[in-house]
């Protein structure tokens, strides 16, 4: 049963990433909307990580900070690419 939940959890993550990629493409001529999409992706990734580790019953502060750090790094990198002149 746990294997089914893992597949569903990571399927949800794949959907989140696919929607964000589509959003970046859809708003390719609107930088502000792309930045908002990148921020929404970061927030969704952190929320997904908390949800996933709560289900696994191993959420710690260190894991939470890791998800925040990765999300911030991804948003920063996307922001640099989106705001380049």
N, C-alpha and C. Protein backbone atom coordinates (compact mmCIF):
# COMPACT_ATOMS: atom_id res chain seq x y z
N UNK A 1 0.82 -1.20 0.00
CA UNK A 1 0.00 0.00 0.00
C UNK A 1 0.86 1.26 0.00
N UNK A 2 1.98 1.22 0.73
CA UNK A 2 2.87 2.39 0.78
C UNK A 2 3.44 2.69 -0.60
N UNK A 3 3.67 1.64 -1.39
CA UNK A 3 4.22 1.83 -2.73
C UNK A 3 3.24 2.60 -3.60
N UNK A 4 1.96 2.33 -3.44
CA UNK A 4 0.93 3.03 -4.20
C UNK A 4 0.93 4.51 -3.83
N UNK A 5 1.06 4.81 -2.54
CA UNK A 5 1.08 6.20 -2.10
C UNK A 5 2.31 6.93 -2.62
N UNK A 6 3.46 6.23 -2.68
CA UNK A 6 4.66 6.87 -3.22
C UNK A 6 4.47 7.21 -4.69
N UNK A 7 3.87 6.30 -5.44
CA UNK A 7 3.62 6.56 -6.86
C UNK A 7 2.68 7.75 -7.00
N UNK A 8 1.64 7.81 -6.18
CA UNK A 8 0.71 8.94 -6.23
C UNK A 8 1.39 10.24 -5.83
N UNK A 9 2.22 10.19 -4.78
CA UNK A 9 2.93 11.38 -4.33
C UNK A 9 3.83 11.93 -5.43
N UNK A 10 4.63 11.07 -6.03
CA UNK A 10 5.56 11.54 -7.05
C UNK A 10 4.83 11.85 -8.36
N UNK A 11 3.69 11.23 -8.59
CA UNK A 11 2.85 11.61 -9.72
C UNK A 11 2.33 13.03 -9.54
N UNK A 12 1.95 13.38 -8.31
CA UNK A 12 1.50 14.73 -8.01
C UNK A 12 2.63 15.73 -8.23
N UNK A 13 3.84 15.38 -7.82
CA UNK A 13 5.00 16.25 -8.05
C UNK A 13 5.24 16.44 -9.55
N UNK A 14 5.12 15.39 -10.32
CA UNK A 14 5.29 15.49 -11.77
C UNK A 14 4.23 16.42 -12.38
N UNK A 15 3.02 16.33 -11.88
CA UNK A 15 1.94 17.21 -12.37
C UNK A 15 2.25 18.66 -12.02
N UNK A 16 2.72 18.91 -10.80
CA UNK A 16 3.09 20.27 -10.39
C UNK A 16 4.16 20.83 -11.31
N UNK A 17 5.18 20.05 -11.58
CA UNK A 17 6.27 20.50 -12.45
C UNK A 17 5.78 20.72 -13.88
N UNK A 18 4.92 19.83 -14.37
CA UNK A 18 4.39 19.97 -15.74
C UNK A 18 3.54 21.23 -15.87
N UNK A 19 2.71 21.50 -14.87
CA UNK A 19 1.88 22.70 -14.91
C UNK A 19 2.75 23.95 -14.87
N UNK A 20 3.81 23.93 -14.07
CA UNK A 20 4.72 25.08 -14.01
C UNK A 20 5.43 25.29 -15.35
N UNK A 21 5.89 24.21 -15.95
CA UNK A 21 6.55 24.34 -17.26
C UNK A 21 5.58 24.87 -18.30
N UNK A 22 4.36 24.39 -18.28
CA UNK A 22 3.36 24.89 -19.21
C UNK A 22 3.10 26.38 -18.95
N UNK A 23 3.02 26.75 -17.67
CA UNK A 23 2.80 28.16 -17.33
C UNK A 23 3.93 29.04 -17.81
N UNK A 24 5.17 28.57 -17.68
CA UNK A 24 6.30 29.35 -18.17
C UNK A 24 6.23 29.51 -19.69
N UNK A 25 5.79 28.47 -20.37
CA UNK A 25 5.65 28.56 -21.83
C UNK A 25 4.46 29.44 -22.21
N UNK A 26 3.34 29.25 -21.55
CA UNK A 26 2.12 29.99 -21.88
C UNK A 26 2.33 31.49 -21.70
N UNK A 27 3.05 31.87 -20.64
CA UNK A 27 3.31 33.28 -20.36
C UNK A 27 4.67 33.74 -20.89
N UNK A 28 5.13 33.15 -21.99
CA UNK A 28 6.48 33.42 -22.48
C UNK A 28 6.70 34.88 -22.88
N UNK A 29 5.63 35.63 -23.11
CA UNK A 29 5.76 37.05 -23.48
C UNK A 29 5.42 37.98 -22.32
N UNK A 30 5.19 37.43 -21.13
CA UNK A 30 4.82 38.23 -19.96
C UNK A 30 5.74 37.84 -18.81
N UNK A 31 6.80 38.60 -18.61
CA UNK A 31 7.82 38.24 -17.62
C UNK A 31 7.25 38.24 -16.21
N UNK A 32 6.39 39.19 -15.89
CA UNK A 32 5.82 39.23 -14.54
C UNK A 32 5.03 37.96 -14.23
N UNK A 33 4.26 37.48 -15.19
CA UNK A 33 3.51 36.24 -14.99
C UNK A 33 4.44 35.04 -14.89
N UNK A 34 5.54 35.06 -15.62
CA UNK A 34 6.52 33.98 -15.51
C UNK A 34 7.17 33.97 -14.14
N UNK A 35 7.48 35.13 -13.61
CA UNK A 35 8.07 35.20 -12.27
C UNK A 35 7.07 34.70 -11.24
N UNK A 36 5.80 35.10 -11.39
CA UNK A 36 4.77 34.59 -10.48
C UNK A 36 4.66 33.07 -10.59
N UNK A 37 4.75 32.54 -11.80
CA UNK A 37 4.71 31.09 -12.00
C UNK A 37 5.88 30.41 -11.30
N UNK A 38 7.07 31.01 -11.39
CA UNK A 38 8.25 30.45 -10.73
C UNK A 38 8.07 30.47 -9.21
N UNK A 39 7.52 31.56 -8.68
CA UNK A 39 7.27 31.64 -7.23
C UNK A 39 6.22 30.61 -6.80
N UNK A 40 5.19 30.44 -7.62
CA UNK A 40 4.15 29.45 -7.32
C UNK A 40 4.74 28.05 -7.37
N UNK A 41 5.64 27.80 -8.31
CA UNK A 41 6.32 26.50 -8.38
C UNK A 41 7.11 26.24 -7.10
N UNK A 42 7.86 27.24 -6.64
CA UNK A 42 8.63 27.07 -5.41
C UNK A 42 7.75 26.79 -4.21
N UNK A 43 6.65 27.52 -4.10
CA UNK A 43 5.73 27.31 -2.98
C UNK A 43 5.07 25.93 -3.06
N UNK A 44 4.67 25.53 -4.26
CA UNK A 44 4.03 24.22 -4.44
C UNK A 44 5.01 23.10 -4.12
N UNK A 45 6.28 23.28 -4.49
CA UNK A 45 7.30 22.27 -4.20
C UNK A 45 7.49 22.11 -2.70
N UNK A 46 7.54 23.22 -1.98
CA UNK A 46 7.71 23.15 -0.52
C UNK A 46 6.48 22.49 0.11
N UNK A 47 5.29 22.88 -0.33
CA UNK A 47 4.07 22.27 0.22
C UNK A 47 4.01 20.78 -0.10
N UNK A 48 4.42 20.41 -1.32
CA UNK A 48 4.44 19.00 -1.66
C UNK A 48 5.42 18.25 -0.77
N UNK A 49 6.59 18.81 -0.52
CA UNK A 49 7.58 18.16 0.33
C UNK A 49 7.07 17.95 1.75
N UNK A 50 6.41 18.96 2.29
CA UNK A 50 5.84 18.83 3.64
C UNK A 50 4.77 17.75 3.64
N UNK A 51 3.89 17.78 2.65
CA UNK A 51 2.84 16.76 2.54
C UNK A 51 3.44 15.36 2.45
N UNK A 52 4.43 15.21 1.58
CA UNK A 52 5.05 13.90 1.37
C UNK A 52 5.70 13.38 2.65
N UNK A 53 6.45 14.22 3.33
CA UNK A 53 7.14 13.75 4.52
C UNK A 53 6.21 13.60 5.72
N UNK A 54 5.11 14.33 5.74
CA UNK A 54 4.11 14.07 6.79
C UNK A 54 3.48 12.70 6.59
N UNK A 55 3.24 12.34 5.34
CA UNK A 55 2.70 11.00 5.07
C UNK A 55 3.70 9.91 5.41
N UNK A 56 4.99 10.21 5.19
CA UNK A 56 6.04 9.24 5.52
C UNK A 56 6.39 9.26 7.01
N UNK A 57 5.88 10.25 7.72
CA UNK A 57 6.11 10.43 9.17
C UNK A 57 7.59 10.63 9.50
N UNK A 58 8.28 11.40 8.66
CA UNK A 58 9.68 11.68 8.95
C UNK A 58 10.04 13.13 8.67
N UNK A 59 9.07 14.03 8.81
CA UNK A 59 9.33 15.44 8.58
C UNK A 59 10.09 16.02 9.77
N UNK A 60 11.21 16.64 9.47
CA UNK A 60 12.01 17.32 10.50
C UNK A 60 12.27 18.76 10.02
N UNK A 61 12.75 19.57 10.92
CA UNK A 61 13.09 20.93 10.57
C UNK A 61 14.18 20.99 9.51
N UNK A 62 15.11 20.07 9.58
CA UNK A 62 16.20 20.02 8.61
C UNK A 62 15.67 19.71 7.21
N UNK A 63 14.75 18.78 7.11
CA UNK A 63 14.15 18.44 5.82
C UNK A 63 13.35 19.62 5.29
N UNK A 64 12.61 20.30 6.17
CA UNK A 64 11.83 21.47 5.77
C UNK A 64 12.75 22.56 5.22
N UNK A 65 13.85 22.83 5.91
CA UNK A 65 14.81 23.83 5.44
C UNK A 65 15.45 23.42 4.11
N UNK A 66 15.64 22.13 3.92
CA UNK A 66 16.18 21.65 2.66
C UNK A 66 15.22 21.96 1.50
N UNK A 67 13.94 21.72 1.70
CA UNK A 67 12.95 22.02 0.66
C UNK A 67 12.87 23.53 0.40
N UNK A 68 12.94 24.33 1.46
CA UNK A 68 12.93 25.79 1.29
C UNK A 68 14.16 26.22 0.49
N UNK A 69 15.32 25.65 0.82
CA UNK A 69 16.56 26.02 0.15
C UNK A 69 16.53 25.66 -1.33
N UNK A 70 16.10 24.45 -1.64
CA UNK A 70 16.04 24.02 -3.04
C UNK A 70 15.05 24.88 -3.82
N UNK A 71 13.89 25.16 -3.22
CA UNK A 71 12.89 25.99 -3.89
C UNK A 71 13.44 27.40 -4.13
N UNK A 72 14.11 27.97 -3.14
CA UNK A 72 14.68 29.30 -3.30
C UNK A 72 15.74 29.32 -4.39
N UNK A 73 16.56 28.29 -4.45
CA UNK A 73 17.60 28.21 -5.47
C UNK A 73 16.97 28.12 -6.87
N UNK A 74 15.96 27.31 -7.03
CA UNK A 74 15.30 27.15 -8.33
C UNK A 74 14.62 28.46 -8.74
N UNK A 75 13.94 29.12 -7.81
CA UNK A 75 13.28 30.39 -8.13
C UNK A 75 14.33 31.44 -8.48
N UNK A 76 15.44 31.46 -7.77
CA UNK A 76 16.52 32.40 -8.07
C UNK A 76 17.07 32.17 -9.48
N UNK A 77 17.36 30.92 -9.80
CA UNK A 77 17.92 30.61 -11.12
C UNK A 77 16.92 30.95 -12.23
N UNK A 78 15.65 30.59 -12.03
CA UNK A 78 14.64 30.95 -13.03
C UNK A 78 14.53 32.47 -13.15
N UNK A 79 14.59 33.17 -12.02
CA UNK A 79 14.52 34.63 -12.05
C UNK A 79 15.68 35.24 -12.82
N UNK A 80 16.88 34.70 -12.63
CA UNK A 80 18.05 35.21 -13.36
C UNK A 80 17.85 35.01 -14.85
N UNK A 81 17.39 33.85 -15.26
CA UNK A 81 17.16 33.62 -16.68
C UNK A 81 16.03 34.47 -17.24
N UNK A 82 15.00 34.67 -16.45
CA UNK A 82 13.86 35.45 -16.94
C UNK A 82 14.15 36.94 -17.01
N UNK A 83 14.99 37.43 -16.11
CA UNK A 83 15.25 38.87 -16.05
C UNK A 83 16.52 39.30 -16.79
N UNK A 84 17.14 38.37 -17.48
CA UNK A 84 18.36 38.74 -18.21
C UNK A 84 18.00 39.73 -19.32
N UNK A 85 18.94 40.58 -19.59
CA UNK A 85 18.67 41.63 -20.58
C UNK A 85 19.36 41.30 -21.89
